[in-house]
């Protein structure tokens, strides 16, 4: 399995034509991030009502708008520290709300949903802790670029793709199992990476 986030810079060029349309419409990156959140909330609610296919469509739209907001920020040169932070926060809100919606809708065991939510959060939480303790500060288009970006085989894009695809086959139970296992495994990969690569700095 490939970490899609690792190839963000290559993939973002494919979405540029769409981002340019929204940029010309005058929508700001933060407005697009808010739209992404609203689609995410709608997706969670639809999963809770057991409308899995429609929920998957809204989750896809949420992901697309989340991707587009960065393109608009770059095109209009409106990248901001607040925008980068709120984008990250809203991403986690959407991830957790959708998983909880799936659980509340009875489409997956809530105990497994809890593990999936934990994995999703800790896999992301490792990064800000690393920034704070190690001090990565290199930024591109308003976002921090660090070695952890490409570490771990299962991140947010893989989570969304798994939920969307398996929603179409009415296999959300297994989708959540996969997310629960793989996000936690990905978090362990990042911990191992930090241990093997960053301990050398402590010896200096």
Foldseek 3Di string as FASTA:
>chain_A
DFAVLVCLVVVLVVCLVVLVVVLVVVDALVNLLVQLLVLLLVLLQCLLQVVLQVSLVSNVSSVSSLSSSLSSCVVVVPADLVSQVVSVVSLLVSLLSNLVSNCNSVLAPVVLSVLLNVLQVLLVVVVVVCCVPVPQDDDDSNDTDDPLSRQARDHSVNLSVLSSVVSVVSNNHVSSNCSSVRSNVSSVRSVVCCVVPVVVVVVD
